[in-house]
All heavy atoms as atom14 arrays in JSON, in Angstrom:
{
  "sequence": "AGGSLRLSCAASGRTFSRYGMGWFRQAPGKEREFVAAIRWSG",
  "atom14_mask": [
    [1, 1, 1, 1, 1, 0, 0, 0, 0, 0, 0, 0, 0, 0],
    [1, 1, 1, 1, 0, 0, 0, 0, 0, 0, 0, 0, 0, 0],
    [1, 1, 1, 1, 0, 0, 0, 0, 0, 0, 0, 0, 0, 0],
    [1, 1, 1, 1, 1, 1, 0, 0, 0, 0, 0, 0, 0, 0],
    [1, 1, 1, 1, 1, 1, 1, 1, 0, 0, 0, 0, 0, 0],
    [1, 1, 1, 1, 1, 1, 1, 1, 1, 1, 1, 0, 0, 0],
    [1, 1, 1, 1, 1, 1, 1, 1, 0, 0, 0, 0, 0, 0],
    [1, 1, 1, 1, 1, 1, 0, 0, 0, 0, 0, 0, 0, 0],
    [1, 1, 1, 1, 1, 1, 0, 0, 0, 0, 0, 0, 0, 0],
    [1, 1, 1, 1, 1, 0, 0, 0, 0, 0, 0, 0, 0, 0],
    [1, 1, 1, 1, 1, 0, 0, 0, 0, 0, 0, 0, 0, 0],
    [1, 1, 1, 1, 1, 1, 0, 0, 0, 0, 0, 0, 0, 0],
    [1, 1, 1, 1, 0, 0, 0, 0, 0, 0, 0, 0, 0, 0],
    [1, 1, 1, 1, 1, 1, 1, 1, 1, 1, 1, 0, 0, 0],
    [1, 1, 1, 1, 1, 1, 1, 0, 0, 0, 0, 0, 0, 0],
    [1, 1, 1, 1, 1, 1, 1, 1, 1, 1, 1, 0, 0, 0],
    [1, 1, 1, 1, 1, 1, 0, 0, 0, 0, 0, 0, 0, 0],
    [1, 1, 1, 1, 1, 1, 1, 1, 1, 1, 1, 0, 0, 0],
    [1, 1, 1, 1, 1, 1, 1, 1, 1, 1, 1, 1, 0, 0],
    [1, 1, 1, 1, 0, 0, 0, 0, 0, 0, 0, 0, 0, 0],
    [1, 1, 1, 1, 1, 1, 1, 1, 0, 0, 0, 0, 0, 0],
    [1, 1, 1, 1, 0, 0, 0, 0, 0, 0, 0, 0, 0, 0],
    [1, 1, 1, 1, 1, 1, 1, 1, 1, 1, 1, 1, 1, 1],
    [1, 1, 1, 1, 1, 1, 1, 1, 1, 1, 1, 0, 0, 0],
    [1, 1, 1, 1, 1, 1, 1, 1, 1, 1, 1, 0, 0, 0],
    [1, 1, 1, 1, 1, 1, 1, 1, 1, 0, 0, 0, 0, 0],
    [1, 1, 1, 1, 1, 0, 0, 0, 0, 0, 0, 0, 0, 0],
    [1, 1, 1, 1, 1, 1, 1, 0, 0, 0, 0, 0, 0, 0],
    [1, 1, 1, 1, 0, 0, 0, 0, 0, 0, 0, 0, 0, 0],
    [1, 1, 1, 1, 1, 1, 1, 1, 1, 0, 0, 0, 0, 0],
    [1, 1, 1, 1, 1, 1, 1, 1, 1, 0, 0, 0, 0, 0],
    [1, 1, 1, 1, 1, 1, 1, 1, 1, 1, 1, 0, 0, 0],
    [1, 1, 1, 1, 1, 1, 1, 1, 1, 0, 0, 0, 0, 0],
    [1, 1, 1, 1, 1, 1, 1, 1, 1, 1, 1, 0, 0, 0],
    [1, 1, 1, 1, 1, 1, 1, 0, 0, 0, 0, 0, 0, 0],
    [1, 1, 1, 1, 1, 0, 0, 0, 0, 0, 0, 0, 0, 0],
    [1, 1, 1, 1, 1, 0, 0, 0, 0, 0, 0, 0, 0, 0],
    [1, 1, 1, 1, 1, 1, 1, 1, 0, 0, 0, 0, 0, 0],
    [1, 1, 1, 1, 1, 1, 1, 1, 1, 1, 1, 0, 0, 0],
    [1, 1, 1, 1, 1, 1, 1, 1, 1, 1, 1, 1, 1, 1],
    [1, 1, 1, 1, 1, 1, 0, 0, 0, 0, 0, 0, 0, 0],
    [1, 1, 1, 1, 0, 0, 0, 0, 0, 0, 0, 0, 0, 0]
  ],
  "atom14_positions": [
    [[-8.06, -17.82, 4.42], [-7.86, -17.62, 5.87], [-6.51, -18.12, 6.3], [-6.06, -19.18, 5.9], [-8.98, -18.33, 6.64], [0.0, 0.0, 0.0], [0.0, 0.0, 0.0], [0.0, 0.0, 0.0], [0.0, 0.0, 0.0], [0.0, 0.0, 0.0], [0.0, 0.0, 0.0], [0.0, 0.0, 0.0], [0.0, 0.0, 0.0], [0.0, 0.0, 0.0]],
    [[-5.86, -17.34, 7.13], [-4.52, -17.62, 7.62], [-3.43, -17.04, 6.75], [-2.24, -17.08, 7.21], [0.0, 0.0, 0.0], [0.0, 0.0, 0.0], [0.0, 0.0, 0.0], [0.0, 0.0, 0.0], [0.0, 0.0, 0.0], [0.0, 0.0, 0.0], [0.0, 0.0, 0.0], [0.0, 0.0, 0.0], [0.0, 0.0, 0.0], [0.0, 0.0, 0.0]],
    [[-3.75, -16.54, 5.63], [-2.8, -15.95, 4.73], [-2.5, -14.51, 5.07], [-2.96, -13.95, 6.02], [0.0, 0.0, 0.0], [0.0, 0.0, 0.0], [0.0, 0.0, 0.0], [0.0, 0.0, 0.0], [0.0, 0.0, 0.0], [0.0, 0.0, 0.0], [0.0, 0.0, 0.0], [0.0, 0.0, 0.0], [0.0, 0.0, 0.0], [0.0, 0.0, 0.0]],
    [[-1.72, -13.85, 4.2], [-1.22, -12.51, 4.42], [-1.39, -11.71, 3.17], [-1.35, -12.16, 2.02], [0.28, -12.55, 4.81], [0.46, -13.24, 6.0], [0.0, 0.0, 0.0], [0.0, 0.0, 0.0], [0.0, 0.0, 0.0], [0.0, 0.0, 0.0], [0.0, 0.0, 0.0], [0.0, 0.0, 0.0], [0.0, 0.0, 0.0], [0.0, 0.0, 0.0]],
    [[-1.53, -10.4, 3.39], [-1.52, -9.39, 2.33], [-0.84, -8.17, 2.88], [-0.81, -7.92, 4.11], [-2.92, -8.96, 1.9], [-3.72, -9.94, 1.06], [-5.17, -9.39, 0.94], [-3.09, -10.16, -0.3], [0.0, 0.0, 0.0], [0.0, 0.0, 0.0], [0.0, 0.0, 0.0], [0.0, 0.0, 0.0], [0.0, 0.0, 0.0], [0.0, 0.0, 0.0]],
    [[-0.2, -7.39, 1.96], [0.35, -6.11, 2.37], [-0.26, -5.04, 1.53], [-0.1, -5.05, 0.3], [1.9, -6.05, 2.22], [2.46, -4.76, 2.87], [3.97, -4.74, 2.87], [4.51, -4.29, 1.6], [5.66, -3.72, 1.46], [6.39, -3.44, 2.54], [6.1, -3.3, 0.27], [0.0, 0.0, 0.0], [0.0, 0.0, 0.0], [0.0, 0.0, 0.0]],
    [[-0.96, -4.14, 2.18], [-1.57, -2.99, 1.51], [-0.61, -1.85, 1.46], [0.18, -1.62, 2.46], [-2.91, -2.56, 2.22], [-3.94, -3.65, 2.42], [-5.18, -3.02, 3.03], [-4.27, -4.36, 1.12], [0.0, 0.0, 0.0], [0.0, 0.0, 0.0], [0.0, 0.0, 0.0], [0.0, 0.0, 0.0], [0.0, 0.0, 0.0], [0.0, 0.0, 0.0]],
    [[-0.65, -1.08, 0.4], [0.13, 0.1, 0.26], [-0.75, 1.31, 0.01], [-1.79, 1.14, -0.62], [1.15, -0.01, -0.85], [2.07, -1.03, -0.63], [0.0, 0.0, 0.0], [0.0, 0.0, 0.0], [0.0, 0.0, 0.0], [0.0, 0.0, 0.0], [0.0, 0.0, 0.0], [0.0, 0.0, 0.0], [0.0, 0.0, 0.0], [0.0, 0.0, 0.0]],
    [[-0.35, 2.44, 0.47], [-1.08, 3.7, 0.18], [-0.04, 4.69, -0.25], [0.78, 5.15, 0.57], [-1.8, 4.16, 1.43], [-2.63, 5.75, 1.26], [0.0, 0.0, 0.0], [0.0, 0.0, 0.0], [0.0, 0.0, 0.0], [0.0, 0.0, 0.0], [0.0, 0.0, 0.0], [0.0, 0.0, 0.0], [0.0, 0.0, 0.0], [0.0, 0.0, 0.0]],
    [[-0.12, 5.11, -1.5], [0.83, 6.04, -2.08], [0.2, 7.44, -2.07], [-0.91, 7.6, -2.52], [1.23, 5.64, -3.49], [0.0, 0.0, 0.0], [0.0, 0.0, 0.0], [0.0, 0.0, 0.0], [0.0, 0.0, 0.0], [0.0, 0.0, 0.0], [0.0, 0.0, 0.0], [0.0, 0.0, 0.0], [0.0, 0.0, 0.0], [0.0, 0.0, 0.0]],
    [[0.96, 8.37, -1.55], [0.46, 9.77, -1.49], [1.17, 10.67, -2.49], [2.36, 10.51, -2.75], [0.69, 10.29, -0.03], [0.0, 0.0, 0.0], [0.0, 0.0, 0.0], [0.0, 0.0, 0.0], [0.0, 0.0, 0.0], [0.0, 0.0, 0.0], [0.0, 0.0, 0.0], [0.0, 0.0, 0.0], [0.0, 0.0, 0.0], [0.0, 0.0, 0.0]],
    [[0.44, 11.63, -2.96], [0.94, 12.65, -3.82], [0.34, 13.99, -3.47], [-0.71, 14.01, -2.76], [0.77, 12.36, -5.31], [-0.63, 12.24, -5.61], [0.0, 0.0, 0.0], [0.0, 0.0, 0.0], [0.0, 0.0, 0.0], [0.0, 0.0, 0.0], [0.0, 0.0, 0.0], [0.0, 0.0, 0.0], [0.0, 0.0, 0.0], [0.0, 0.0, 0.0]],
    [[0.94, 15.04, -3.91], [0.46, 16.36, -3.55], [1.31, 17.0, -2.46], [2.51, 16.97, -2.54], [0.0, 0.0, 0.0], [0.0, 0.0, 0.0], [0.0, 0.0, 0.0], [0.0, 0.0, 0.0], [0.0, 0.0, 0.0], [0.0, 0.0, 0.0], [0.0, 0.0, 0.0], [0.0, 0.0, 0.0], [0.0, 0.0, 0.0], [0.0, 0.0, 0.0]],
    [[0.68, 17.46, -1.4], [1.38, 18.14, -0.32], [2.0, 17.12, 0.66], [1.61, 17.1, 1.85], [0.47, 19.1, 0.4], [0.05, 20.26, -0.45], [-0.56, 21.39, 0.4], [0.48, 21.94, 1.27], [0.26, 22.81, 2.25], [-1.0, 23.27, 2.49], [1.24, 23.31, 3.0], [0.0, 0.0, 0.0], [0.0, 0.0, 0.0], [0.0, 0.0, 0.0]],
    [[2.84, 16.3, 0.13], [3.42, 15.22, 0.96], [4.51, 15.66, 1.9], [5.03, 14.86, 2.68], [3.95, 14.11, 0.04], [4.87, 14.67, -0.89], [2.81, 13.43, -0.71], [0.0, 0.0, 0.0], [0.0, 0.0, 0.0], [0.0, 0.0, 0.0], [0.0, 0.0, 0.0], [0.0, 0.0, 0.0], [0.0, 0.0, 0.0], [0.0, 0.0, 0.0]],
    [[4.9, 16.96, 1.81], [5.87, 17.49, 2.77], [5.25, 17.82, 4.12], [5.94, 18.05, 5.1], [6.5, 18.75, 2.24], [5.53, 19.82, 1.77], [5.05, 20.73, 2.69], [5.13, 19.91, 0.47], [4.16, 21.71, 2.3], [4.24, 20.85, 0.03], [3.74, 21.8, 0.94], [0.0, 0.0, 0.0], [0.0, 0.0, 0.0], [0.0, 0.0, 0.0]],
    [[3.94, 17.82, 4.15], [3.26, 18.07, 5.44], [3.33, 16.85, 6.43], [3.51, 15.73, 5.96], [1.82, 18.39, 5.23], [1.69, 19.62, 4.46], [0.0, 0.0, 0.0], [0.0, 0.0, 0.0], [0.0, 0.0, 0.0], [0.0, 0.0, 0.0], [0.0, 0.0, 0.0], [0.0, 0.0, 0.0], [0.0, 0.0, 0.0], [0.0, 0.0, 0.0]],
    [[3.22, 17.17, 7.69], [3.37, 16.12, 8.72], [2.0, 15.42, 8.98], [1.38, 15.72, 9.99], [3.92, 16.7, 10.01], [5.37, 17.12, 9.86], [5.93, 17.43, 11.27], [7.34, 17.71, 11.21], [8.21, 17.48, 12.19], [7.75, 16.98, 13.32], [9.47, 17.74, 12.09], [0.0, 0.0, 0.0], [0.0, 0.0, 0.0], [0.0, 0.0, 0.0]],
    [[1.6, 14.62, 8.05], [0.33, 13.94, 8.18], [0.45, 12.66, 8.99], [1.34, 11.84, 8.72], [-0.24, 13.61, 6.77], [-0.67, 14.77, 6.02], [0.11, 15.32, 4.98], [-1.91, 15.37, 6.23], [-0.33, 16.35, 4.24], [-2.38, 16.43, 5.5], [-1.58, 16.92, 4.48], [-2.02, 18.03, 3.72], [0.0, 0.0, 0.0], [0.0, 0.0, 0.0]],
    [[-0.44, 12.49, 9.9], [-0.65, 11.19, 10.46], [-1.44, 10.4, 9.47], [-2.16, 10.95, 8.61], [0.0, 0.0, 0.0], [0.0, 0.0, 0.0], [0.0, 0.0, 0.0], [0.0, 0.0, 0.0], [0.0, 0.0, 0.0], [0.0, 0.0, 0.0], [0.0, 0.0, 0.0], [0.0, 0.0, 0.0], [0.0, 0.0, 0.0], [0.0, 0.0, 0.0]],
    [[-1.32, 9.07, 9.51], [-2.02, 8.23, 8.51], [-2.79, 7.12, 9.23], [-2.35, 6.61, 10.3], [-1.05, 7.56, 7.6], [-0.24, 8.55, 6.69], [-1.26, 9.5, 5.54], [-1.86, 8.14, 4.52], [0.0, 0.0, 0.0], [0.0, 0.0, 0.0], [0.0, 0.0, 0.0], [0.0, 0.0, 0.0], [0.0, 0.0, 0.0], [0.0, 0.0, 0.0]],
    [[-3.93, 6.79, 8.7], [-4.72, 5.74, 9.25], [-5.25, 4.83, 8.19], [-5.3, 5.12, 7.02], [0.0, 0.0, 0.0], [0.0, 0.0, 0.0], [0.0, 0.0, 0.0], [0.0, 0.0, 0.0], [0.0, 0.0, 0.0], [0.0, 0.0, 0.0], [0.0, 0.0, 0.0], [0.0, 0.0, 0.0], [0.0, 0.0, 0.0], [0.0, 0.0, 0.0]],
    [[-5.57, 3.61, 8.64], [-6.29, 2.62, 7.79], [-7.62, 2.35, 8.42], [-7.74, 2.18, 9.67], [-5.49, 1.32, 7.7], [-4.31, 1.37, 6.82], [-3.01, 1.59, 7.2], [-4.31, 1.22, 5.4], [-2.21, 1.56, 6.1], [-2.96, 1.3, 5.0], [-5.32, 0.96, 4.45], [-2.55, 1.2, 3.68], [-4.88, 0.85, 3.11], [-3.55, 0.94, 2.75]],
    [[-8.66, 2.33, 7.62], [-10.0, 2.04, 8.0], [-10.5, 0.92, 7.05], [-9.98, 0.72, 6.01], [-10.91, 3.25, 7.96], [-10.61, 4.29, 9.01], [-9.53, 5.1, 8.87], [-11.41, 4.37, 10.14], [-9.26, 6.05, 9.82], [-11.15, 5.33, 11.08], [-10.04, 6.21, 10.92], [0.0, 0.0, 0.0], [0.0, 0.0, 0.0], [0.0, 0.0, 0.0]],
    [[-11.56, 0.29, 7.47], [-12.19, -0.68, 6.59], [-13.73, -0.62, 6.72], [-14.23, -0.21, 7.77], [-11.7, -2.13, 6.89], [-12.07, -2.67, 8.28], [-11.38, -3.96, 8.55], [-11.78, -4.55, 9.82], [-11.23, -5.58, 10.34], [-10.21, -6.23, 9.73], [-11.65, -6.11, 11.53], [0.0, 0.0, 0.0], [0.0, 0.0, 0.0], [0.0, 0.0, 0.0]],
    [[-14.42, -1.08, 5.69], [-15.82, -1.01, 5.65], [-16.37, -2.21, 4.92], [-16.05, -2.42, 3.77], [-16.33, 0.25, 5.02], [-17.85, 0.44, 5.15], [-18.24, 1.87, 4.81], [-17.54, 2.62, 4.09], [-19.39, 2.29, 5.31], [0.0, 0.0, 0.0], [0.0, 0.0, 0.0], [0.0, 0.0, 0.0], [0.0, 0.0, 0.0], [0.0, 0.0, 0.0]],
    [[-17.17, -3.04, 5.62], [-17.8, -4.17, 4.99], [-19.18, -3.75, 4.57], [-19.78, -2.78, 5.05], [-17.93, -5.33, 6.0], [0.0, 0.0, 0.0], [0.0, 0.0, 0.0], [0.0, 0.0, 0.0], [0.0, 0.0, 0.0], [0.0, 0.0, 0.0], [0.0, 0.0, 0.0], [0.0, 0.0, 0.0], [0.0, 0.0, 0.0], [0.0, 0.0, 0.0]],
    [[-19.79, -4.41, 3.61], [-21.13, -4.04, 3.13], [-22.14, -3.97, 4.28], [-22.24, -4.89, 5.08], [-21.49, -5.21, 2.15], [-20.17, -5.66, 1.66], [-19.26, -5.58, 2.82], [0.0, 0.0, 0.0], [0.0, 0.0, 0.0], [0.0, 0.0, 0.0], [0.0, 0.0, 0.0], [0.0, 0.0, 0.0], [0.0, 0.0, 0.0], [0.0, 0.0, 0.0]],
    [[-22.88, -2.87, 4.33], [-23.91, -2.68, 5.32], [-23.4, -2.33, 6.7], [-24.16, -2.24, 7.63], [0.0, 0.0, 0.0], [0.0, 0.0, 0.0], [0.0, 0.0, 0.0], [0.0, 0.0, 0.0], [0.0, 0.0, 0.0], [0.0, 0.0, 0.0], [0.0, 0.0, 0.0], [0.0, 0.0, 0.0], [0.0, 0.0, 0.0], [0.0, 0.0, 0.0]],
    [[-22.09, -2.1, 6.88], [-21.52, -1.78, 8.13], [-20.85, -0.44, 8.09], [-20.57, 0.14, 7.06], [-20.51, -2.89, 8.53], [-21.08, -4.28, 8.62], [-20.06, -5.32, 9.04], [-19.57, -5.12, 10.48], [-18.61, -6.19, 10.83], [0.0, 0.0, 0.0], [0.0, 0.0, 0.0], [0.0, 0.0, 0.0], [0.0, 0.0, 0.0], [0.0, 0.0, 0.0]],
    [[-20.66, 0.11, 9.3], [-19.99, 1.41, 9.44], [-18.5, 1.23, 9.18], [-17.9, 0.18, 9.3], [-20.16, 1.95, 10.88], [-21.61, 2.34, 11.2], [-21.92, 3.66, 10.52], [-21.41, 4.7, 10.94], [-22.75, 3.66, 9.6], [0.0, 0.0, 0.0], [0.0, 0.0, 0.0], [0.0, 0.0, 0.0], [0.0, 0.0, 0.0], [0.0, 0.0, 0.0]],
    [[-17.92, 2.38, 8.72], [-16.47, 2.38, 8.54], [-15.77, 2.22, 9.88], [-16.12, 2.89, 10.88], [-16.04, 3.69, 7.91], [-14.62, 3.74, 7.45], [-14.36, 4.8, 6.43], [-15.11, 4.6, 5.19], [-14.92, 5.28, 4.09], [-14.03, 6.25, 4.01], [-15.68, 5.03, 3.02], [0.0, 0.0, 0.0], [0.0, 0.0, 0.0], [0.0, 0.0, 0.0]],
    [[-14.81, 1.31, 9.93], [-14.17, 0.85, 11.17], [-12.68, 1.21, 11.17], [-11.95, 0.94, 10.22], [-14.41, -0.68, 11.32], [-13.71, -1.28, 12.49], [-13.8, -2.78, 12.45], [-14.04, -3.35, 11.38], [-13.57, -3.44, 13.53], [0.0, 0.0, 0.0], [0.0, 0.0, 0.0], [0.0, 0.0, 0.0], [0.0, 0.0, 0.0], [0.0, 0.0, 0.0]],
    [[-12.23, 1.73, 12.26], [-10.79, 1.99, 12.46], [-10.04, 0.71, 12.52], [-10.44, -0.29, 13.12], [-10.54, 2.76, 13.77], [-9.16, 2.8, 14.16], [-8.26, 3.68, 13.51], [-8.62, 2.02, 15.2], [-6.93, 3.75, 13.88], [-7.32, 2.09, 15.55], [-6.45, 2.95, 14.91], [0.0, 0.0, 0.0], [0.0, 0.0, 0.0], [0.0, 0.0, 0.0]],
    [[-8.91, 0.67, 11.83], [-8.01, -0.48, 11.82], [-6.72, -0.22, 12.44], [-6.24, -0.88, 13.4], [-7.77, -1.02, 10.36], [-6.78, -2.2, 10.36], [-9.12, -1.42, 9.75], [0.0, 0.0, 0.0], [0.0, 0.0, 0.0], [0.0, 0.0, 0.0], [0.0, 0.0, 0.0], [0.0, 0.0, 0.0], [0.0, 0.0, 0.0], [0.0, 0.0, 0.0]],
    [[-5.98, 0.81, 11.99], [-4.63, 1.17, 12.5], [-4.33, 2.59, 12.13], [-4.88, 3.13, 11.19], [-3.6, 0.23, 11.91], [0.0, 0.0, 0.0], [0.0, 0.0, 0.0], [0.0, 0.0, 0.0], [0.0, 0.0, 0.0], [0.0, 0.0, 0.0], [0.0, 0.0, 0.0], [0.0, 0.0, 0.0], [0.0, 0.0, 0.0], [0.0, 0.0, 0.0]],
    [[-3.39, 3.19, 12.86], [-2.92, 4.55, 12.58], [-1.48, 4.69, 13.01], [-0.99, 4.0, 13.87], [-3.82, 5.59, 13.32], [0.0, 0.0, 0.0], [0.0, 0.0, 0.0], [0.0, 0.0, 0.0], [0.0, 0.0, 0.0], [0.0, 0.0, 0.0], [0.0, 0.0, 0.0], [0.0, 0.0, 0.0], [0.0, 0.0, 0.0], [0.0, 0.0, 0.0]],
    [[-0.81, 5.67, 12.39], [0.59, 5.9, 12.66], [0.89, 7.38, 12.53], [0.37, 8.08, 11.62], [1.47, 5.09, 11.7], [2.96, 5.21, 12.08], [1.23, 5.49, 10.24], [3.85, 4.21, 11.34], [0.0, 0.0, 0.0], [0.0, 0.0, 0.0], [0.0, 0.0, 0.0], [0.0, 0.0, 0.0], [0.0, 0.0, 0.0], [0.0, 0.0, 0.0]],
    [[1.73, 7.9, 13.45], [2.07, 9.3, 13.4], [3.17, 9.54, 12.32], [3.79, 8.59, 11.9], [2.55, 9.81, 14.75], [1.48, 9.79, 15.85], [2.0, 10.44, 17.12], [1.0, 10.26, 18.18], [-0.02, 11.12, 18.36], [-0.19, 12.18, 17.59], [-0.85, 10.98, 19.39], [0.0, 0.0, 0.0], [0.0, 0.0, 0.0], [0.0, 0.0, 0.0]],
    [[3.31, 10.8, 11.96], [4.29, 11.15, 10.91], [5.65, 10.6, 11.17], [6.37, 10.11, 10.29], [4.3, 12.67, 10.74], [5.29, 13.14, 9.68], [5.05, 13.29, 8.4], [6.64, 13.52, 9.91], [6.18, 13.71, 7.7], [7.16, 13.9, 8.62], [7.45, 13.63, 11.02], [8.52, 14.33, 8.49], [8.79, 14.05, 10.86], [9.26, 14.42, 9.6]],
    [[6.13, 10.69, 12.44], [7.47, 10.27, 12.79], [7.64, 8.78, 12.8], [8.74, 8.27, 12.79], [7.78, 10.76, 14.22], [7.01, 10.16, 15.17], [0.0, 0.0, 0.0], [0.0, 0.0, 0.0], [0.0, 0.0, 0.0], [0.0, 0.0, 0.0], [0.0, 0.0, 0.0], [0.0, 0.0, 0.0], [0.0, 0.0, 0.0], [0.0, 0.0, 0.0]],
    [[6.55, 7.98, 12.78], [6.57, 6.58, 12.96], [6.49, 6.14, 14.38], [6.22, 4.99, 14.65], [0.0, 0.0, 0.0], [0.0, 0.0, 0.0], [0.0, 0.0, 0.0], [0.0, 0.0, 0.0], [0.0, 0.0, 0.0], [0.0, 0.0, 0.0], [0.0, 0.0, 0.0], [0.0, 0.0, 0.0], [0.0, 0.0, 0.0], [0.0, 0.0, 0.0]]
  ]
}
């Protein structure tokens, strides 16, 4: 607790498309929860 991590998500395939990206999380027994999102442009 109090520490830091950096998650990465590497994409392959049709990466030329203008995809928005999101991060979600899911704990055991719980619904998938929105965390953060970013548009293609940043």
